[in-house]
């Protein structure tokens, strides 16, 4: 009889421990769920306020990523990251189309920080590289033509080509060199 009493006490103790552990894990799950919900609320608010990737610690990207560290399959957080990515890819495309290559590159970098393998990023980077190379070639040709016009003494032609080179984003020091060449040619002619 004594043995059976000890066994009953042990079983009661084990049952109480199991109930306590179950309660502990249940409370932990509830705390995680509450934290995930809080992060999603913050992410939504940041997204609506267009705080997509900045300021640090208070942006939709970080909040969605924090959700996924606690709940890796959270559909809303995944959709939020996809939406941010789409915004940056769209903005990069607009900047590229508008000829603002620096802005396009910055926006592509933001998109790549979210998902470097996203489909649109590679294509837009290729377009950006092509456009930048084309612009460099056009700038170089305009500067060379401006220099040739300056050497001939064609002031109007040189100024037109310099203006063209500037519109392509020519480096100010390159433009200044040709302006000096043009000025020097004019002074030489005036002295003669």
N, C-alpha and C. Protein backbone atom coordinates (compact mmCIF):
# COMPACT_ATOMS: atom_id res chain seq x y z
N UNK A 1 0.81 -1.17 0.00
CA UNK A 1 0.00 0.00 0.00
C UNK A 1 0.87 1.26 0.00
N UNK A 2 1.94 1.25 0.69
CA UNK A 2 2.82 2.39 0.77
C UNK A 2 3.40 2.73 -0.59
N UNK A 3 3.71 1.68 -1.33
CA UNK A 3 4.26 1.89 -2.65
C UNK A 3 3.25 2.55 -3.56
N UNK A 4 2.04 2.13 -3.49
CA UNK A 4 1.02 2.71 -4.36
C UNK A 4 0.75 4.17 -3.99
N UNK A 5 0.85 4.52 -2.73
CA UNK A 5 0.68 5.92 -2.33
C UNK A 5 1.80 6.77 -2.91
N UNK A 6 3.01 6.27 -2.86
CA UNK A 6 4.16 6.98 -3.43
C UNK A 6 4.01 7.15 -4.94
N UNK A 7 3.51 6.12 -5.59
CA UNK A 7 3.31 6.19 -7.04
C UNK A 7 2.23 7.21 -7.38
N UNK A 8 1.19 7.25 -6.58
CA UNK A 8 0.10 8.21 -6.81
C UNK A 8 0.63 9.64 -6.63
N UNK A 9 1.40 9.83 -5.59
CA UNK A 9 1.97 11.16 -5.35
C UNK A 9 2.87 11.56 -6.51
N UNK A 10 3.66 10.64 -7.00
CA UNK A 10 4.55 10.92 -8.12
C UNK A 10 3.74 11.27 -9.37
N UNK A 11 2.68 10.52 -9.61
CA UNK A 11 1.83 10.79 -10.77
C UNK A 11 1.15 12.15 -10.66
N UNK A 12 0.67 12.46 -9.46
CA UNK A 12 0.03 13.76 -9.24
C UNK A 12 1.05 14.88 -9.48
N UNK A 13 2.24 14.68 -8.97
CA UNK A 13 3.29 15.67 -9.16
C UNK A 13 3.60 15.86 -10.65
N UNK A 14 3.74 14.75 -11.39
CA UNK A 14 4.01 14.82 -12.83
C UNK A 14 2.87 15.50 -13.57
N UNK A 15 1.65 15.20 -13.19
CA UNK A 15 0.49 15.82 -13.83
C UNK A 15 0.48 17.33 -13.60
N UNK A 16 0.79 17.73 -12.37
CA UNK A 16 0.83 19.17 -12.06
C UNK A 16 1.96 19.86 -12.84
N UNK A 17 3.09 19.18 -12.95
CA UNK A 17 4.22 19.75 -13.70
C UNK A 17 3.85 19.90 -15.18
N UNK A 18 3.18 18.90 -15.72
CA UNK A 18 2.78 18.96 -17.13
C UNK A 18 1.79 20.10 -17.36
N UNK A 19 0.84 20.26 -16.47
CA UNK A 19 -0.14 21.35 -16.59
C UNK A 19 0.57 22.69 -16.48
N UNK A 20 1.50 22.79 -15.56
CA UNK A 20 2.26 24.05 -15.41
C UNK A 20 3.09 24.35 -16.64
N UNK A 21 3.75 23.35 -17.20
CA UNK A 21 4.56 23.56 -18.41
C UNK A 21 3.66 23.94 -19.57
N UNK A 22 2.51 23.28 -19.68
CA UNK A 22 1.58 23.62 -20.76
C UNK A 22 1.12 25.06 -20.64
N UNK A 23 0.84 25.49 -19.44
CA UNK A 23 0.43 26.87 -19.22
C UNK A 23 1.55 27.85 -19.57
N UNK A 24 2.77 27.47 -19.21
CA UNK A 24 3.92 28.32 -19.53
C UNK A 24 4.06 28.49 -21.04
N UNK A 25 4.02 27.37 -21.78
CA UNK A 25 4.15 27.44 -23.23
C UNK A 25 2.99 28.17 -23.88
N UNK A 26 1.81 28.00 -23.34
CA UNK A 26 0.64 28.71 -23.85
C UNK A 26 0.83 30.22 -23.68
N UNK A 27 1.31 30.61 -22.50
CA UNK A 27 1.55 32.04 -22.24
C UNK A 27 2.64 32.58 -23.17
N UNK A 28 3.67 31.77 -23.43
CA UNK A 28 4.74 32.20 -24.33
C UNK A 28 4.18 32.41 -25.74
N UNK A 29 3.34 31.50 -26.21
CA UNK A 29 2.75 31.63 -27.53
C UNK A 29 1.87 32.87 -27.61
N UNK A 30 1.13 33.13 -26.56
CA UNK A 30 0.28 34.33 -26.54
C UNK A 30 1.13 35.59 -26.59
N UNK A 31 2.26 35.60 -25.87
CA UNK A 31 3.15 36.76 -25.86
C UNK A 31 3.75 36.99 -27.24
N UNK A 32 4.17 35.91 -27.89
CA UNK A 32 4.73 36.03 -29.24
C UNK A 32 3.66 36.55 -30.20
N UNK A 33 2.46 36.00 -30.13
CA UNK A 33 1.37 36.44 -31.00
C UNK A 33 1.06 37.92 -30.79
N UNK A 34 1.06 38.35 -29.54
CA UNK A 34 0.79 39.76 -29.24
C UNK A 34 1.91 40.64 -29.79
N UNK A 35 3.15 40.20 -29.66
CA UNK A 35 4.28 40.97 -30.17
C UNK A 35 4.23 41.04 -31.71
N UNK A 36 3.90 39.93 -32.36
CA UNK A 36 3.78 39.91 -33.81
C UNK A 36 2.69 40.88 -34.25
N UNK A 37 1.57 40.87 -33.56
CA UNK A 37 0.48 41.78 -33.92
C UNK A 37 0.90 43.23 -33.74
N UNK A 38 1.62 43.51 -32.67
CA UNK A 38 2.11 44.87 -32.42
C UNK A 38 3.07 45.30 -33.54
N UNK A 39 3.97 44.40 -33.94
CA UNK A 39 4.91 44.71 -35.02
C UNK A 39 4.18 44.94 -36.35
N UNK A 40 3.17 44.12 -36.61
CA UNK A 40 2.38 44.31 -37.84
C UNK A 40 1.66 45.65 -37.83
N UNK A 41 1.11 46.03 -36.67
CA UNK A 41 0.45 47.33 -36.56
C UNK A 41 1.44 48.46 -36.84
N UNK A 42 2.65 48.35 -36.28
CA UNK A 42 3.67 49.37 -36.51
C UNK A 42 4.09 49.40 -37.98
N UNK A 43 4.24 48.20 -38.57
CA UNK A 43 4.64 48.12 -39.98
C UNK A 43 3.60 48.77 -40.87
N UNK A 44 2.32 48.50 -40.61
CA UNK A 44 1.25 49.10 -41.41
C UNK A 44 1.28 50.62 -41.29
N UNK A 45 1.44 51.10 -40.07
CA UNK A 45 1.48 52.56 -39.86
C UNK A 45 2.68 53.17 -40.58
N UNK A 46 3.83 52.53 -40.50
CA UNK A 46 5.02 53.04 -41.19
C UNK A 46 4.84 53.00 -42.70
N UNK A 47 4.24 51.94 -43.19
CA UNK A 47 4.00 51.82 -44.63
C UNK A 47 3.08 52.95 -45.10
N UNK A 48 2.00 53.17 -44.39
CA UNK A 48 1.06 54.23 -44.77
C UNK A 48 1.70 55.61 -44.70
N UNK A 49 2.64 55.79 -43.77
CA UNK A 49 3.33 57.07 -43.63
C UNK A 49 4.54 57.17 -44.56
N UNK A 50 4.73 56.16 -45.41
CA UNK A 50 5.83 56.10 -46.38
C UNK A 50 7.20 56.03 -45.72
N UNK A 51 7.24 55.53 -44.49
CA UNK A 51 8.51 55.25 -43.84
C UNK A 51 8.86 53.80 -44.19
N UNK A 52 9.28 53.61 -45.43
CA UNK A 52 9.47 52.26 -45.93
C UNK A 52 10.76 51.62 -45.41
N UNK A 53 11.87 52.36 -45.50
CA UNK A 53 13.16 51.80 -45.09
C UNK A 53 13.94 52.70 -44.13
N UNK A 54 13.39 53.83 -43.80
CA UNK A 54 14.02 54.73 -42.84
C UNK A 54 12.92 55.50 -42.14
N UNK A 55 13.19 56.04 -40.97
CA UNK A 55 14.44 56.07 -40.21
C UNK A 55 14.71 54.71 -39.55
N UNK A 56 15.97 54.49 -39.19
CA UNK A 56 16.33 53.23 -38.55
C UNK A 56 15.47 52.96 -37.30
N UNK A 57 14.98 51.72 -37.22
CA UNK A 57 14.19 51.33 -36.06
C UNK A 57 12.73 51.71 -36.13
N UNK A 58 12.37 52.54 -37.09
CA UNK A 58 10.98 52.98 -37.20
C UNK A 58 10.58 53.01 -38.67
N UNK A 59 10.61 51.83 -39.29
CA UNK A 59 10.23 51.74 -40.69
C UNK A 59 9.56 50.39 -40.96
N UNK A 60 8.79 50.36 -42.01
CA UNK A 60 8.01 49.16 -42.34
C UNK A 60 8.90 47.96 -42.61
N UNK A 61 9.99 48.16 -43.32
CA UNK A 61 10.88 47.05 -43.66
C UNK A 61 11.37 46.32 -42.41
N UNK A 62 11.88 47.07 -41.46
CA UNK A 62 12.40 46.45 -40.23
C UNK A 62 11.30 45.74 -39.45
N UNK A 63 10.13 46.37 -39.37
CA UNK A 63 9.04 45.75 -38.61
C UNK A 63 8.57 44.45 -39.27
N UNK A 64 8.44 44.46 -40.60
CA UNK A 64 8.04 43.22 -41.29
C UNK A 64 9.11 42.14 -41.11
N UNK A 65 10.37 42.51 -41.19
CA UNK A 65 11.44 41.53 -40.99
C UNK A 65 11.41 40.97 -39.56
N UNK A 66 11.15 41.84 -38.59
CA UNK A 66 11.07 41.37 -37.20
C UNK A 66 9.91 40.40 -37.02
N UNK A 67 8.81 40.65 -37.71
CA UNK A 67 7.68 39.71 -37.64
C UNK A 67 8.14 38.35 -38.14
N UNK A 68 8.86 38.33 -39.26
CA UNK A 68 9.27 37.06 -39.86
C UNK A 68 10.30 36.32 -39.02
N UNK A 69 11.03 37.02 -38.16
CA UNK A 69 11.94 36.30 -37.27
C UNK A 69 11.16 35.54 -36.21
N UNK A 70 9.99 36.04 -35.85
CA UNK A 70 9.16 35.38 -34.84
C UNK A 70 8.13 34.45 -35.45
N UNK A 71 7.71 34.77 -36.67
CA UNK A 71 6.68 33.98 -37.35
C UNK A 71 7.08 33.90 -38.83
N UNK A 72 7.99 32.98 -39.16
CA UNK A 72 8.56 32.92 -40.51
C UNK A 72 7.55 32.73 -41.64
N UNK A 73 6.36 32.24 -41.34
CA UNK A 73 5.36 32.01 -42.38
C UNK A 73 4.28 33.09 -42.42
N UNK A 74 4.50 34.20 -41.75
CA UNK A 74 3.48 35.24 -41.67
C UNK A 74 3.23 35.84 -43.05
N UNK A 75 2.04 35.59 -43.57
CA UNK A 75 1.68 36.03 -44.92
C UNK A 75 1.64 37.55 -45.05
N UNK A 76 1.13 38.24 -44.03
CA UNK A 76 1.04 39.70 -44.12
C UNK A 76 2.42 40.33 -44.19
N UNK A 77 3.36 39.83 -43.39
CA UNK A 77 4.72 40.38 -43.41
C UNK A 77 5.38 40.13 -44.77
N UNK A 78 5.17 38.95 -45.33
CA UNK A 78 5.74 38.64 -46.64
C UNK A 78 5.15 39.55 -47.71
N UNK A 79 3.84 39.77 -47.66
CA UNK A 79 3.20 40.67 -48.63
C UNK A 79 3.70 42.10 -48.45
N UNK A 80 3.93 42.50 -47.21
CA UNK A 80 4.45 43.84 -46.95
C UNK A 80 5.82 44.04 -47.54
N UNK A 81 6.70 43.05 -47.38
CA UNK A 81 8.04 43.14 -47.97
C UNK A 81 7.96 43.19 -49.50
N UNK A 82 7.08 42.38 -50.06
CA UNK A 82 6.89 42.40 -51.52
C UNK A 82 6.40 43.76 -51.99
N UNK A 83 5.50 44.37 -51.24
CA UNK A 83 4.97 45.68 -51.62
C UNK A 83 6.06 46.75 -51.57
N UNK A 84 6.91 46.71 -50.56
CA UNK A 84 8.01 47.68 -50.46
C UNK A 84 8.97 47.48 -51.64
N UNK A 85 9.28 46.24 -51.93
CA UNK A 85 10.15 45.92 -53.05
C UNK A 85 9.57 46.46 -54.35
N UNK A 86 8.30 46.23 -54.59
CA UNK A 86 7.65 46.71 -55.81
C UNK A 86 7.70 48.24 -55.91
N UNK A 87 7.53 48.90 -54.78
CA UNK A 87 7.58 50.38 -54.79
C UNK A 87 8.96 50.84 -55.24
N UNK A 88 10.02 50.26 -54.66
CA UNK A 88 11.37 50.69 -55.02
C UNK A 88 11.73 50.34 -56.46
N UNK A 89 11.29 49.20 -56.94
CA UNK A 89 11.55 48.85 -58.33
C UNK A 89 10.80 49.83 -59.25
N UNK A 90 9.57 50.14 -58.91
CA UNK A 90 8.79 51.11 -59.70
C UNK A 90 9.43 52.50 -59.71
N UNK A 91 9.88 52.93 -58.53
CA UNK A 91 10.53 54.25 -58.45
C UNK A 91 11.83 54.26 -59.26
N UNK A 92 12.57 53.17 -59.20
CA UNK A 92 13.82 53.08 -59.96
C UNK A 92 13.54 53.16 -61.45
N UNK A 93 12.49 52.50 -61.88
CA UNK A 93 12.14 52.54 -63.30
C UNK A 93 11.75 53.96 -63.72
N UNK A 94 10.99 54.64 -62.88
CA UNK A 94 10.61 56.03 -63.18
C UNK A 94 11.85 56.93 -63.25
N UNK A 95 12.75 56.76 -62.30
CA UNK A 95 13.97 57.59 -62.28
C UNK A 95 14.82 57.30 -63.51
N UNK A 96 14.92 56.05 -63.87
CA UNK A 96 15.69 55.67 -65.05
C UNK A 96 15.08 56.27 -66.32
N UNK A 97 13.79 56.17 -66.45
CA UNK A 97 13.08 56.73 -67.60
C UNK A 97 13.26 58.25 -67.64
N UNK A 98 13.28 58.88 -66.47
CA UNK A 98 13.46 60.33 -66.38
C UNK A 98 14.90 60.78 -66.51
N UNK A 99 15.83 59.83 -66.62
CA UNK A 99 17.23 60.19 -66.80
C UNK A 99 17.98 60.49 -65.51
N UNK A 100 17.35 60.25 -64.36
CA UNK A 100 18.03 60.48 -63.08
C UNK A 100 18.70 59.18 -62.65
N UNK A 101 19.89 58.94 -63.20
CA UNK A 101 20.56 57.67 -63.00
C UNK A 101 21.04 57.45 -61.57
N UNK A 102 21.46 58.51 -60.91
CA UNK A 102 21.89 58.36 -59.51
C UNK A 102 20.73 57.93 -58.63
N UNK A 103 19.59 58.55 -58.83
CA UNK A 103 18.40 58.19 -58.05
C UNK A 103 17.97 56.77 -58.37
N UNK A 104 17.99 56.41 -59.65
CA UNK A 104 17.61 55.04 -60.05
C UNK A 104 18.53 54.02 -59.38
N UNK A 105 19.83 54.31 -59.35
CA UNK A 105 20.78 53.38 -58.72
C UNK A 105 20.50 53.25 -57.23
N UNK A 106 20.21 54.37 -56.57
CA UNK A 106 19.92 54.34 -55.13
C UNK A 106 18.65 53.53 -54.86
N UNK A 107 17.64 53.70 -55.69
CA UNK A 107 16.39 52.97 -55.49
C UNK A 107 16.56 51.48 -55.78
N UNK A 108 17.37 51.15 -56.77
CA UNK A 108 17.66 49.75 -57.03
C UNK A 108 18.42 49.12 -55.87
N UNK A 109 19.30 49.90 -55.26
CA UNK A 109 20.03 49.39 -54.08
C UNK A 109 19.07 49.11 -52.93
N UNK A 110 18.09 49.98 -52.75
CA UNK A 110 17.08 49.75 -51.70
C UNK A 110 16.30 48.47 -51.99
N UNK A 111 15.92 48.28 -53.25
CA UNK A 111 15.17 47.08 -53.64
C UNK A 111 16.03 45.83 -53.44
N UNK A 112 17.29 45.91 -53.82
CA UNK A 112 18.19 44.75 -53.69
C UNK A 112 18.45 44.41 -52.23
N UNK A 113 18.39 45.40 -51.36
CA UNK A 113 18.57 45.12 -49.92
C UNK A 113 17.40 44.31 -49.38
N UNK A 114 16.25 44.41 -50.02
CA UNK A 114 15.08 43.64 -49.60
C UNK A 114 15.16 42.23 -50.16
N UNK A 115 15.43 42.13 -51.47
CA UNK A 115 15.53 40.81 -52.12
C UNK A 115 16.42 40.95 -53.35
N UNK A 116 17.70 40.61 -53.20
CA UNK A 116 18.63 40.79 -54.32
C UNK A 116 18.28 39.95 -55.55
N UNK A 117 17.49 38.91 -55.38
CA UNK A 117 17.14 38.04 -56.50
C UNK A 117 15.79 38.40 -57.13
N UNK A 118 15.19 39.50 -56.72
CA UNK A 118 13.89 39.89 -57.27
C UNK A 118 14.00 40.08 -58.78
N UNK A 119 13.01 39.63 -59.52
CA UNK A 119 13.09 39.62 -60.98
C UNK A 119 13.39 40.96 -61.65
N UNK A 120 12.76 42.03 -61.24
CA UNK A 120 12.92 43.31 -61.94
C UNK A 120 14.26 43.98 -61.71
N UNK A 121 14.94 43.64 -60.65
CA UNK A 121 16.18 44.34 -60.30
C UNK A 121 17.27 44.10 -61.34
N UNK A 122 17.48 42.86 -61.72
CA UNK A 122 18.54 42.54 -62.67
C UNK A 122 18.32 43.24 -64.01
N UNK A 123 17.07 43.22 -64.48
CA UNK A 123 16.76 43.86 -65.76
C UNK A 123 16.98 45.38 -65.70
N UNK A 124 16.53 45.98 -64.61
CA UNK A 124 16.70 47.44 -64.49
C UNK A 124 18.17 47.82 -64.34
N UNK A 125 18.94 47.00 -63.63
CA UNK A 125 20.39 47.30 -63.52
C UNK A 125 21.05 47.25 -64.89
N UNK A 126 20.64 46.29 -65.71
CA UNK A 126 21.17 46.21 -67.07
C UNK A 126 20.82 47.45 -67.88
N UNK A 127 19.56 47.87 -67.78
CA UNK A 127 19.13 49.09 -68.48
C UNK A 127 19.90 50.30 -67.98
N UNK A 128 20.06 50.38 -66.65
CA UNK A 128 20.77 51.52 -66.06
C UNK A 128 22.22 51.56 -66.56
N UNK A 129 22.89 50.42 -66.57
CA UNK A 129 24.27 50.38 -67.06
C UNK A 129 24.35 50.81 -68.52
N UNK A 130 23.43 50.33 -69.33
CA UNK A 130 23.41 50.70 -70.75
C UNK A 130 23.19 52.19 -70.92
N UNK A 131 22.23 52.73 -70.20
CA UNK A 131 21.93 54.17 -70.29
C UNK A 131 23.11 55.01 -69.81
N UNK A 132 23.74 54.59 -68.73
CA UNK A 132 24.88 55.35 -68.20
C UNK A 132 26.05 55.32 -69.19
N UNK A 133 26.30 54.16 -69.79
CA UNK A 133 27.38 54.07 -70.79
C UNK A 133 27.07 54.95 -71.99
N UNK A 134 25.83 54.93 -72.42
CA UNK A 134 25.41 55.76 -73.55
C UNK A 134 25.59 57.24 -73.22
N UNK A 135 25.18 57.61 -72.02
CA UNK A 135 25.32 59.02 -71.61
C UNK A 135 26.80 59.42 -71.55
N UNK A 136 27.64 58.54 -71.05
CA UNK A 136 29.08 58.84 -71.00
C UNK A 136 29.64 59.06 -72.41
N UNK A 137 29.22 58.22 -73.34
CA UNK A 137 29.68 58.35 -74.72
C UNK A 137 29.19 59.66 -75.35
N UNK A 138 27.93 59.99 -75.12
CA UNK A 138 27.39 61.24 -75.65
C UNK A 138 28.09 62.45 -75.04
N UNK A 139 28.37 62.37 -73.75
CA UNK A 139 29.07 63.47 -73.07
C UNK A 139 30.46 63.63 -73.64
N UNK A 140 31.16 62.52 -73.80
CA UNK A 140 32.52 62.55 -74.34
C UNK A 140 32.52 63.15 -75.75
N UNK A 141 31.58 62.71 -76.58
CA UNK A 141 31.50 63.22 -77.96
C UNK A 141 31.19 64.72 -77.97
N UNK A 142 30.28 65.16 -77.10
CA UNK A 142 29.93 66.59 -77.05
C UNK A 142 31.12 67.42 -76.58
N UNK A 143 31.86 66.91 -75.59
CA UNK A 143 33.04 67.64 -75.11
C UNK A 143 34.12 67.72 -76.19
N UNK A 144 34.33 66.62 -76.91
CA UNK A 144 35.32 66.63 -77.99
C UNK A 144 34.92 67.61 -79.09
N UNK A 145 33.63 67.60 -79.42
CA UNK A 145 33.14 68.53 -80.45
C UNK A 145 33.28 69.97 -79.97
N UNK A 146 33.00 70.22 -78.71
CA UNK A 146 33.14 71.58 -78.17
C UNK A 146 34.59 72.02 -78.23
N UNK A 147 35.50 71.12 -77.90
CA UNK A 147 36.92 71.44 -77.97
C UNK A 147 37.35 71.76 -79.39
N UNK A 148 36.87 70.95 -80.34
CA UNK A 148 37.21 71.20 -81.76
C UNK A 148 36.65 72.54 -82.22
N UNK A 149 35.43 72.85 -81.83
CA UNK A 149 34.82 74.13 -82.20
C UNK A 149 35.60 75.29 -81.58
N UNK A 150 36.05 75.11 -80.35
CA UNK A 150 36.81 76.16 -79.68
C UNK A 150 38.13 76.40 -80.40
N UNK A 151 38.79 75.32 -80.84
CA UNK A 151 40.07 75.47 -81.55
C UNK A 151 39.87 76.19 -82.88
N UNK A 152 38.74 75.98 -83.55
CA UNK A 152 38.44 76.65 -84.81
C UNK A 152 38.03 78.10 -84.61
N UNK A 153 37.70 78.43 -83.36
CA UNK A 153 37.25 79.79 -83.09
C UNK A 153 35.74 79.94 -83.27
N UNK A 154 35.04 78.84 -83.40
CA UNK A 154 33.58 78.87 -83.55
C UNK A 154 32.96 78.95 -82.16
N UNK A 155 32.79 80.16 -81.67
CA UNK A 155 32.28 80.39 -80.31
C UNK A 155 30.88 79.81 -80.15
N UNK A 156 29.99 80.12 -81.07
CA UNK A 156 28.60 79.65 -80.96
C UNK A 156 28.55 78.12 -80.98
N UNK A 157 29.33 77.51 -81.87
CA UNK A 157 29.35 76.04 -81.96
C UNK A 157 29.90 75.42 -80.68
N UNK A 158 30.97 76.01 -80.14
CA UNK A 158 31.58 75.49 -78.91
C UNK A 158 30.62 75.60 -77.74
N UNK A 159 29.95 76.75 -77.63
CA UNK A 159 29.00 76.95 -76.53
C UNK A 159 27.83 75.99 -76.66
N UNK A 160 27.36 75.76 -77.88
CA UNK A 160 26.24 74.83 -78.09
C UNK A 160 26.64 73.42 -77.65
N UNK A 161 27.84 73.00 -78.02
CA UNK A 161 28.30 71.65 -77.65
C UNK A 161 28.57 71.56 -76.14
N UNK A 162 29.06 72.63 -75.54
CA UNK A 162 29.26 72.63 -74.08
C UNK A 162 27.92 72.52 -73.35
N UNK A 163 26.95 73.25 -73.87
CA UNK A 163 25.60 73.18 -73.27
C UNK A 163 25.05 71.76 -73.38
N UNK A 164 25.27 71.14 -74.54
CA UNK A 164 24.84 69.75 -74.74
C UNK A 164 25.56 68.82 -73.77
N UNK A 165 26.86 69.00 -73.63
CA UNK A 165 27.64 68.16 -72.72
C UNK A 165 27.16 68.33 -71.28
N UNK A 166 26.86 69.57 -70.90
CA UNK A 166 26.35 69.81 -69.55
C UNK A 166 25.01 69.13 -69.33
N UNK A 167 24.16 69.13 -70.36
CA UNK A 167 22.85 68.50 -70.23
C UNK A 167 22.99 66.98 -70.04
N UNK A 168 24.09 66.42 -70.53
CA UNK A 168 24.35 64.99 -70.35
C UNK A 168 25.02 64.70 -69.02
N UNK A 169 25.37 65.75 -68.28
CA UNK A 169 26.00 65.56 -66.98
C UNK A 169 27.51 65.58 -67.01
N UNK A 170 28.08 66.34 -67.94
CA UNK A 170 29.54 66.44 -68.03
C UNK A 170 30.11 66.97 -66.72
N UNK A 171 31.30 66.50 -66.39
CA UNK A 171 31.97 66.97 -65.18
C UNK A 171 32.30 68.45 -65.32
N UNK A 172 32.02 69.23 -64.29
CA UNK A 172 32.27 70.68 -64.37
C UNK A 172 33.72 71.03 -64.71
N UNK A 173 34.69 70.25 -64.26
CA UNK A 173 36.08 70.56 -64.57
C UNK A 173 36.38 70.37 -66.05
N UNK A 174 35.74 69.38 -66.69
CA UNK A 174 35.92 69.18 -68.13
C UNK A 174 35.34 70.36 -68.92
N UNK A 175 34.17 70.81 -68.50
CA UNK A 175 33.53 71.96 -69.16
C UNK A 175 34.40 73.21 -68.95
N UNK A 176 34.92 73.38 -67.76
CA UNK A 176 35.75 74.55 -67.45
C UNK A 176 37.01 74.57 -68.32
N UNK A 177 37.62 73.42 -68.58
CA UNK A 177 38.83 73.36 -69.43
C UNK A 177 38.52 73.89 -70.83
N UNK A 178 37.40 73.47 -71.38
CA UNK A 178 37.06 73.90 -72.73
C UNK A 178 36.67 75.39 -72.74
N UNK A 179 36.00 75.83 -71.69
CA UNK A 179 35.67 77.27 -71.61
C UNK A 179 36.95 78.10 -71.56
N UNK A 180 37.95 77.59 -70.84
CA UNK A 180 39.24 78.31 -70.78
C UNK A 180 39.91 78.31 -72.15
N UNK A 181 39.82 77.19 -72.86
CA UNK A 181 40.40 77.11 -74.21
C UNK A 181 39.69 78.10 -75.13
N UNK A 182 38.38 78.17 -75.00
CA UNK A 182 37.59 79.10 -75.82
C UNK A 182 37.95 80.54 -75.48
N UNK A 183 38.06 80.83 -74.20
CA UNK A 183 38.41 82.19 -73.75
C UNK A 183 39.80 82.57 -74.24
N UNK A 184 40.72 81.63 -74.14
CA UNK A 184 42.10 81.89 -74.57
C UNK A 184 42.13 82.16 -76.06
N UNK A 185 41.37 81.41 -76.85
CA UNK A 185 41.32 81.61 -78.30
C UNK A 185 40.75 82.97 -78.64
N UNK A 186 39.72 83.38 -77.91
CA UNK A 186 39.12 84.69 -78.17
C UNK A 186 40.09 85.80 -77.82
N UNK A 187 40.82 85.67 -76.73
CA UNK A 187 41.78 86.70 -76.34
C UNK A 187 42.91 86.79 -77.34
N UNK A 188 43.35 85.62 -77.86
CA UNK A 188 44.42 85.62 -78.85
C UNK A 188 43.98 86.34 -80.13
N UNK A 189 42.75 86.05 -80.56
CA UNK A 189 42.22 86.69 -81.76
C UNK A 189 42.02 88.20 -81.56
N UNK A 190 41.60 88.56 -80.38
CA UNK A 190 41.36 89.97 -80.10
C UNK A 190 42.67 90.74 -80.09
N UNK A 191 43.75 90.10 -79.64
CA UNK A 191 45.06 90.76 -79.58
C UNK A 191 45.67 90.87 -80.97
N UNK A 192 45.26 90.01 -81.89
CA UNK A 192 45.87 90.00 -83.24
C UNK A 192 45.32 91.06 -84.13
